[in-house]
Protein backbone atom coordinates (compact mmCIF):
# COMPACT_ATOMS: atom_id res chain seq x y z
CA MET A 1 3.18 -5.74 -6.42
CA LYS A 2 6.66 -5.41 -6.62
CA VAL A 3 8.65 -2.28 -5.59
CA LYS A 4 10.13 -1.58 -9.03
CA GLU A 5 6.40 -1.71 -10.37
CA LEU A 6 5.33 0.90 -7.52
CA ARG A 7 8.02 3.17 -8.22
CA GLU A 8 7.06 3.33 -11.92
CA LEU A 9 3.44 4.62 -10.91
CA THR A 10 2.63 8.18 -10.71
CA LEU A 11 1.97 9.56 -7.32
CA GLU A 12 -1.74 10.03 -7.79
CA ASP A 13 -1.87 6.20 -8.91
CA LEU A 14 -0.01 5.17 -5.89
CA LYS A 15 -2.11 6.90 -3.61
CA SER A 16 -5.36 5.42 -5.34
CA ARG A 17 -3.74 2.04 -4.88
CA ILE A 18 -2.86 2.64 -1.10
CA SER A 19 -6.53 3.74 -0.69
CA GLU A 20 -7.90 0.26 -2.38
CA THR A 21 -5.38 -1.54 -0.15
CA ARG A 22 -6.56 0.04 3.12
CA LYS A 23 -10.04 -0.81 2.13
CA GLU A 24 -9.27 -4.29 1.41
CA LEU A 25 -7.28 -4.72 4.62
CA VAL A 26 -10.38 -3.45 6.73
CA ASP A 27 -12.33 -5.87 4.99
CA LEU A 28 -10.07 -8.90 5.67
CA ARG A 29 -9.79 -7.92 9.15
CA PHE A 30 -13.61 -7.94 9.35
CA GLN A 31 -13.62 -11.39 8.01
CA HIS A 32 -11.23 -12.71 9.97
CA ALA A 33 -13.13 -11.53 13.27
CA MET A 34 -16.02 -13.29 11.94
CA ARG A 35 -14.23 -16.10 11.02
CA LYS A 36 -15.23 -15.97 7.40
CA LEU A 37 -11.55 -15.46 6.18
CA GLU A 38 -10.20 -19.01 4.89
CA ASN A 39 -6.69 -17.58 3.85
CA THR A 40 -5.46 -15.65 6.74
CA ALA A 41 -1.94 -15.42 4.88
CA LYS A 42 -3.82 -12.93 2.53
CA LEU A 43 -4.04 -10.64 5.85
CA LYS A 44 -0.21 -10.66 6.28
CA SER A 45 0.68 -9.96 2.79
CA THR A 46 -1.93 -7.20 2.18
CA ARG A 47 -0.21 -5.50 5.37
CA ARG A 48 2.94 -5.77 3.82
CA SER A 49 2.01 -4.69 0.14
CA LEU A 50 0.55 -1.57 2.14
CA SER A 51 3.77 -0.80 3.74
CA ARG A 52 5.44 -1.04 0.61
CA MET A 53 3.58 1.18 -1.03
CA LEU A 54 3.66 3.80 1.99
CA THR A 55 7.47 3.46 1.84
CA VAL A 56 7.67 4.23 -1.82
CA GLU A 57 5.15 6.98 -1.25
CA ALA A 58 7.33 8.47 1.22
CA GLU A 59 10.28 8.23 -0.86
CA MET A 60 8.62 10.07 -3.91
CA LEU A 61 7.63 12.80 -1.36
CA ASP A 62 11.01 13.43 -0.05
CA GLN A 63 12.58 13.20 -3.45
CA ALA A 64 9.76 15.93 -4.62
CA LYS A 65 10.88 18.12 -1.55
CA GLU A 66 14.63 17.92 -2.35
CA GLU A 67 13.86 18.93 -5.87
CA SER A 68 11.82 21.72 -4.90
CA SER A 69 14.42 23.03 -2.45
CA LYS A 70 17.12 23.29 -5.02
């Protein structure tokens, strides 16, 4: 998912996607350890997607903090 699309989500939707992506990453790591993962690039792309989501979440929380302090 692109950053622009992530920024359009609500904070609750973003948190649920982060949770889903973390579960997917655990499953991929398990499959990789058991030598069942055919597309190992999926591991890298999922990790990067999670990182993007966490960055956008941090931006949203910072923005909310700034607005509440004004």
